[in-house]
Amino acid sequence: DNELQAINDVLRLSRGMTYKNAVSG
């Protein structure tokens, strides 16, 4: 809908990848 929504998405998603990759070994 707007750029702020995209920024929030990429911040949450990238943080999630840190945890995903870590817990997956």
PDB file of all heavy atoms in Angstrom:
ATOM      1  N   ASP A   1       0.826  -1.211   0.000  1.00  0.00           N
ATOM      2  CA  ASP A   1       0.000   0.000   0.000  1.00  0.00           C
ATOM      3  C   ASP A   1       0.859   1.259   0.000  1.00  0.00           C
ATOM      4  O   ASP A   1       0.477   2.289  -0.563  1.00  0.00           O
ATOM      5  CB  ASP A   1      -0.928   0.007   1.219  1.00  0.00           C
ATOM      6  CG  ASP A   1      -1.986  -1.085   1.151  1.00  0.00           C
ATOM      7  OD1 ASP A   1      -2.291  -1.538   0.026  1.00  0.00           O
ATOM      8  OD2 ASP A   1      -2.492  -1.480   2.214  1.00  0.00           O
ATOM      9  N   ASN A   2       2.020   1.181   0.653  1.00  0.00           N
ATOM     10  CA  ASN A   2       2.924   2.327   0.712  1.00  0.00           C
ATOM     11  C   ASN A   2       4.326   1.827   1.058  1.00  0.00           C
ATOM     12  O   ASN A   2       4.513   0.655   1.418  1.00  0.00           O
ATOM     13  CB  ASN A   2       2.445   3.362   1.737  1.00  0.00           C
ATOM     14  CG  ASN A   2       2.158   2.733   3.093  1.00  0.00           C
ATOM     15  OD1 ASN A   2       3.058   2.173   3.731  1.00  0.00           O
ATOM     16  ND2 ASN A   2       0.902   2.807   3.545  1.00  0.00           N
ATOM     17  N   GLU A   3       5.290   2.734   0.960  1.00  0.00           N
ATOM     18  CA  GLU A   3       6.689   2.355   1.204  1.00  0.00           C
ATOM     19  C   GLU A   3       6.936   1.956   2.656  1.00  0.00           C
ATOM     20  O   GLU A   3       7.743   1.067   2.935  1.00  0.00           O
ATOM     21  CB  GLU A   3       7.629   3.505   0.821  1.00  0.00           C
ATOM     22  CG  GLU A   3       7.854   3.690  -0.659  1.00  0.00           C
ATOM     23  CD  GLU A   3       6.721   4.471  -1.329  1.00  0.00           C
ATOM     24  OE1 GLU A   3       5.780   4.895  -0.615  1.00  0.00           O
ATOM     25  OE2 GLU A   3       6.784   4.665  -2.566  1.00  0.00           O
ATOM     26  N   LEU A   4       6.228   2.607   3.597  1.00  0.00           N
ATOM     27  CA  LEU A   4       6.423   2.284   5.008  1.00  0.00           C
ATOM     28  C   LEU A   4       6.019   0.847   5.291  1.00  0.00           C
ATOM     29  O   LEU A   4       6.684   0.136   6.065  1.00  0.00           O
ATOM     30  CB  LEU A   4       5.619   3.238   5.893  1.00  0.00           C
ATOM     31  CG  LEU A   4       5.810   3.075   7.408  1.00  0.00           C
ATOM     32  CD1 LEU A   4       7.274   3.261   7.780  1.00  0.00           C
ATOM     33  CD2 LEU A   4       4.924   4.053   8.165  1.00  0.00           C
ATOM     34  N   GLN A   5       4.953   0.389   4.646  1.00  0.00           N
ATOM     35  CA  GLN A   5       4.529  -0.998   4.801  1.00  0.00           C
ATOM     36  C   GLN A   5       5.602  -1.952   4.287  1.00  0.00           C
ATOM     37  O   GLN A   5       5.887  -2.988   4.905  1.00  0.00           O
ATOM     38  CB  GLN A   5       3.213  -1.223   4.050  1.00  0.00           C
ATOM     39  CG  GLN A   5       2.577  -2.569   4.304  1.00  0.00           C
ATOM     40  CD  GLN A   5       1.297  -2.763   3.502  1.00  0.00           C
ATOM     41  OE1 GLN A   5       1.336  -2.919   2.284  1.00  0.00           O
ATOM     42  NE2 GLN A   5       0.168  -2.731   4.185  1.00  0.00           N
ATOM     43  N   ALA A   6       6.228  -1.591   3.171  1.00  0.00           N
ATOM     44  CA  ALA A   6       7.300  -2.415   2.602  1.00  0.00           C
ATOM     45  C   ALA A   6       8.513  -2.449   3.534  1.00  0.00           C
ATOM     46  O   ALA A   6       9.137  -3.501   3.721  1.00  0.00           O
ATOM     47  CB  ALA A   6       7.702  -1.884   1.234  1.00  0.00           C
ATOM     48  N   ILE A   7       8.853  -1.302   4.118  1.00  0.00           N
ATOM     49  CA  ILE A   7       9.986  -1.242   5.045  1.00  0.00           C
ATOM     50  C   ILE A   7       9.730  -2.121   6.262  1.00  0.00           C
ATOM     51  O   ILE A   7      10.595  -2.902   6.684  1.00  0.00           O
ATOM     52  CB  ILE A   7      10.249   0.216   5.479  1.00  0.00           C
ATOM     53  CG1 ILE A   7      10.746   1.043   4.286  1.00  0.00           C
ATOM     54  CG2 ILE A   7      11.262   0.265   6.627  1.00  0.00           C
ATOM     55  CD1 ILE A   7      10.762   2.533   4.545  1.00  0.00           C
ATOM     56  N   ASN A   8       8.538  -2.006   6.830  1.00  0.00           N
ATOM     57  CA  ASN A   8       8.202  -2.822   7.996  1.00  0.00           C
ATOM     58  C   ASN A   8       8.285  -4.308   7.667  1.00  0.00           C
ATOM     59  O   ASN A   8       8.754  -5.121   8.478  1.00  0.00           O
ATOM     60  CB  ASN A   8       6.793  -2.480   8.492  1.00  0.00           C
ATOM     61  CG  ASN A   8       6.719  -1.117   9.147  1.00  0.00           C
ATOM     62  OD1 ASN A   8       7.724  -0.612   9.646  1.00  0.00           O
ATOM     63  ND2 ASN A   8       5.552  -0.505   9.154  1.00  0.00           N
ATOM     64  N   ASP A   9       7.844  -4.662   6.455  1.00  0.00           N
ATOM     65  CA  ASP A   9       7.874  -6.060   6.038  1.00  0.00           C
ATOM     66  C   ASP A   9       9.309  -6.567   5.932  1.00  0.00           C
ATOM     67  O   ASP A   9       9.638  -7.641   6.446  1.00  0.00           O
ATOM     68  CB  ASP A   9       7.147  -6.225   4.700  1.00  0.00           C
ATOM     69  CG  ASP A   9       6.622  -7.646   4.482  1.00  0.00           C
ATOM     70  OD1 ASP A   9       6.381  -8.345   5.478  1.00  0.00           O
ATOM     71  OD2 ASP A   9       6.425  -8.034   3.318  1.00  0.00           O
ATOM     72  N   VAL A  10      10.169  -5.795   5.288  1.00  0.00           N
ATOM     73  CA  VAL A  10      11.541  -6.269   5.093  1.00  0.00           C
ATOM     74  C   VAL A  10      12.299  -6.326   6.418  1.00  0.00           C
ATOM     75  O   VAL A  10      13.140  -7.213   6.624  1.00  0.00           O
ATOM     76  CB  VAL A  10      12.283  -5.390   4.056  1.00  0.00           C
ATOM     77  CG1 VAL A  10      12.792  -4.092   4.650  1.00  0.00           C
ATOM     78  CG2 VAL A  10      13.440  -6.157   3.425  1.00  0.00           C
ATOM     79  N   LEU A  11      11.996  -5.426   7.350  1.00  0.00           N
ATOM     80  CA  LEU A  11      12.656  -5.467   8.652  1.00  0.00           C
ATOM     81  C   LEU A  11      12.244  -6.724   9.424  1.00  0.00           C
ATOM     82  O   LEU A  11      13.082  -7.428   9.999  1.00  0.00           O
ATOM     83  CB  LEU A  11      12.325  -4.209   9.464  1.00  0.00           C
ATOM     84  CG  LEU A  11      12.946  -2.903   8.976  1.00  0.00           C
ATOM     85  CD1 LEU A  11      12.480  -1.728   9.846  1.00  0.00           C
ATOM     86  CD2 LEU A  11      14.461  -2.962   8.956  1.00  0.00           C
ATOM     87  N   ARG A  12      10.959  -7.021   9.433  1.00  0.00           N
ATOM     88  CA  ARG A  12      10.480  -8.203  10.144  1.00  0.00           C
ATOM     89  C   ARG A  12      10.969  -9.492   9.469  1.00  0.00           C
ATOM     90  O   ARG A  12      11.392 -10.438  10.133  1.00  0.00           O
ATOM     91  CB  ARG A  12       8.951  -8.208  10.200  1.00  0.00           C
ATOM     92  CG  ARG A  12       8.337  -7.136  11.083  1.00  0.00           C
ATOM     93  CD  ARG A  12       6.862  -7.427  11.328  1.00  0.00           C
ATOM     94  NE  ARG A  12       6.701  -8.586  12.197  1.00  0.00           N
ATOM     95  CZ  ARG A  12       5.531  -9.205  12.398  1.00  0.00           C
ATOM     96  NH1 ARG A  12       4.444  -8.796  11.770  1.00  0.00           N
ATOM     97  NH2 ARG A  12       5.456 -10.252  13.204  1.00  0.00           N
ATOM     98  N   LEU A  13      10.911  -9.512   8.153  1.00  0.00           N
ATOM     99  CA  LEU A  13      11.300 -10.720   7.420  1.00  0.00           C
ATOM    100  C   LEU A  13      12.791 -11.016   7.570  1.00  0.00           C
ATOM    101  O   LEU A  13      13.191 -12.172   7.731  1.00  0.00           O
ATOM    102  CB  LEU A  13      10.936 -10.580   5.945  1.00  0.00           C
ATOM    103  CG  LEU A  13       9.441 -10.627   5.613  1.00  0.00           C
ATOM    104  CD1 LEU A  13       9.201 -10.170   4.177  1.00  0.00           C
ATOM    105  CD2 LEU A  13       8.874 -12.014   5.840  1.00  0.00           C
ATOM    106  N   SER A  14      13.617  -9.980   7.502  1.00  0.00           N
ATOM    107  CA  SER A  14      15.069 -10.196   7.608  1.00  0.00           C
ATOM    108  C   SER A  14      15.451 -10.646   9.014  1.00  0.00           C
ATOM    109  O   SER A  14      16.325 -11.512   9.190  1.00  0.00           O
ATOM    110  CB  SER A  14      15.834  -8.931   7.216  1.00  0.00           C
ATOM    111  OG  SER A  14      15.404  -7.812   7.970  1.00  0.00           O
ATOM    112  N   ARG A  15      14.802 -10.095  10.014  1.00  0.00           N
ATOM    113  CA  ARG A  15      15.040 -10.553  11.391  1.00  0.00           C
ATOM    114  C   ARG A  15      14.610 -12.014  11.523  1.00  0.00           C
ATOM    115  O   ARG A  15      15.307 -12.828  12.146  1.00  0.00           O
ATOM    116  CB  ARG A  15      14.257  -9.689  12.386  1.00  0.00           C
ATOM    117  CG  ARG A  15      14.366 -10.153  13.840  1.00  0.00           C
ATOM    118  CD  ARG A  15      13.563  -9.222  14.753  1.00  0.00           C
ATOM    119  NE  ARG A  15      13.590  -9.678  16.142  1.00  0.00           N
ATOM    120  CZ  ARG A  15      12.710 -10.513  16.676  1.00  0.00           C
ATOM    121  NH1 ARG A  15      11.741 -11.021  15.917  1.00  0.00           N
ATOM    122  NH2 ARG A  15      12.785 -10.858  17.940  1.00  0.00           N
ATOM    123  N   GLY A  16      13.481 -12.346  10.937  1.00  0.00           N
ATOM    124  CA  GLY A  16      13.010 -13.723  10.975  1.00  0.00           C
ATOM    125  C   GLY A  16      13.995 -14.692  10.343  1.00  0.00           C
ATOM    126  O   GLY A  16      14.153 -15.833  10.805  1.00  0.00           O
ATOM    127  N   MET A  17      14.681 -14.245   9.282  1.00  0.00           N
ATOM    128  CA  MET A  17      15.664 -15.107   8.626  1.00  0.00           C
ATOM    129  C   MET A  17      16.868 -15.364   9.527  1.00  0.00           C
ATOM    130  O   MET A  17      17.451 -16.458   9.503  1.00  0.00           O
ATOM    131  CB  MET A  17      16.123 -14.488   7.306  1.00  0.00           C
ATOM    132  CG  MET A  17      15.090 -14.522   6.192  1.00  0.00           C
ATOM    133  SD  MET A  17      14.442 -16.177   5.819  1.00  0.00           S
ATOM    134  CE  MET A  17      15.948 -17.074   5.458  1.00  0.00           C
ATOM    135  N   THR A  18      17.259 -14.386  10.330  1.00  0.00           N
ATOM    136  CA  THR A  18      18.346 -14.605  11.281  1.00  0.00           C
ATOM    137  C   THR A  18      18.001 -15.752  12.220  1.00  0.00           C
ATOM    138  O   THR A  18      18.802 -16.670  12.444  1.00  0.00           O
ATOM    139  CB  THR A  18      18.618 -13.326  12.102  1.00  0.00           C
ATOM    140  OG1 THR A  18      19.142 -12.316  11.238  1.00  0.00           O
ATOM    141  CG2 THR A  18      19.622 -13.586  13.218  1.00  0.00           C
ATOM    142  N   TYR A  19      16.797 -15.713  12.761  1.00  0.00           N
ATOM    143  CA  TYR A  19      16.357 -16.739  13.702  1.00  0.00           C
ATOM    144  C   TYR A  19      16.154 -18.076  12.989  1.00  0.00           C
ATOM    145  O   TYR A  19      16.497 -19.138  13.532  1.00  0.00           O
ATOM    146  CB  TYR A  19      15.077 -16.293  14.402  1.00  0.00           C
ATOM    147  CG  TYR A  19      15.319 -15.270  15.487  1.00  0.00           C
ATOM    148  CD1 TYR A  19      15.546 -13.939  15.183  1.00  0.00           C
ATOM    149  CD2 TYR A  19      15.350 -15.645  16.823  1.00  0.00           C
ATOM    150  CE1 TYR A  19      15.782 -12.998  16.169  1.00  0.00           C
ATOM    151  CE2 TYR A  19      15.586 -14.718  17.823  1.00  0.00           C
ATOM    152  CZ  TYR A  19      15.801 -13.390  17.492  1.00  0.00           C
ATOM    153  OH  TYR A  19      16.052 -12.470  18.482  1.00  0.00           O
ATOM    154  N   LYS A  20      15.591 -18.034  11.800  1.00  0.00           N
ATOM    155  CA  LYS A  20      15.361 -19.257  11.040  1.00  0.00           C
ATOM    156  C   LYS A  20      16.675 -19.972  10.735  1.00  0.00           C
ATOM    157  O   LYS A  20      16.804 -21.181  10.972  1.00  0.00           O
ATOM    158  CB  LYS A  20      14.635 -18.944   9.731  1.00  0.00           C
ATOM    159  CG  LYS A  20      14.373 -20.158   8.854  1.00  0.00           C
ATOM    160  CD  LYS A  20      13.779 -19.766   7.507  1.00  0.00           C
ATOM    161  CE  LYS A  20      12.433 -19.120   7.636  1.00  0.00           C
ATOM    162  NZ  LYS A  20      11.766 -18.927   6.320  1.00  0.00           N
ATOM    163  N   ASN A  21      17.646 -19.241  10.223  1.00  0.00           N
ATOM    164  CA  ASN A  21      18.923 -19.848   9.871  1.00  0.00           C
ATOM    165  C   ASN A  21      19.661 -20.346  11.112  1.00  0.00           C
ATOM    166  O   ASN A  21      20.327 -21.392  11.074  1.00  0.00           O
ATOM    167  CB  ASN A  21      19.783 -18.842   9.102  1.00  0.00           C
ATOM    168  CG  ASN A  21      19.211 -18.512   7.737  1.00  0.00           C
ATOM    169  OD1 ASN A  21      18.481 -19.308   7.156  1.00  0.00           O
ATOM    170  ND2 ASN A  21      19.526 -17.333   7.217  1.00  0.00           N
ATOM    171  N   ALA A  22      19.533 -19.602  12.202  1.00  0.00           N
ATOM    172  CA  ALA A  22      20.223 -19.998  13.434  1.00  0.00           C
ATOM    173  C   ALA A  22      19.624 -21.268  14.018  1.00  0.00           C
ATOM    174  O   ALA A  22      20.354 -22.216  14.348  1.00  0.00           O
ATOM    175  CB  ALA A  22      20.157 -18.867  14.456  1.00  0.00           C
ATOM    176  N   VAL A  23      18.305 -21.322  14.163  1.00  0.00           N
ATOM    177  CA  VAL A  23      17.677 -22.473  14.794  1.00  0.00           C
ATOM    178  C   VAL A  23      17.766 -23.711  13.902  1.00  0.00           C
ATOM    179  O   VAL A  23      17.685 -24.848  14.401  1.00  0.00           O
ATOM    180  CB  VAL A  23      16.203 -22.153  15.149  1.00  0.00           C
ATOM    181  CG1 VAL A  23      15.284 -22.300  13.959  1.00  0.00           C
ATOM    182  CG2 VAL A  23      15.716 -23.004  16.320  1.00  0.00           C
ATOM    183  N   SER A  24      17.969 -23.499  12.596  1.00  0.00           N
ATOM    184  CA  SER A  24      18.101 -24.623  11.661  1.00  0.00           C
ATOM    185  C   SER A  24      19.522 -25.163  11.602  1.00  0.00           C
ATOM    186  O   SER A  24      19.785 -26.133  10.884  1.00  0.00           O
ATOM    187  CB  SER A  24      17.665 -24.194  10.255  1.00  0.00           C
ATOM    188  OG  SER A  24      16.316 -23.770  10.248  1.00  0.00           O
ATOM    189  N   GLY A  25      20.439 -24.526  12.326  1.00  0.00           N
ATOM    190  CA  GLY A  25      21.823 -25.009  12.362  1.00  0.00           C
ATOM    191  C   GLY A  25      22.620 -24.652  11.125  1.00  0.00           C
ATOM    192  O   GLY A  25      23.647 -25.295  10.838  1.00  0.00           O
TER     193      GLY A  25
END
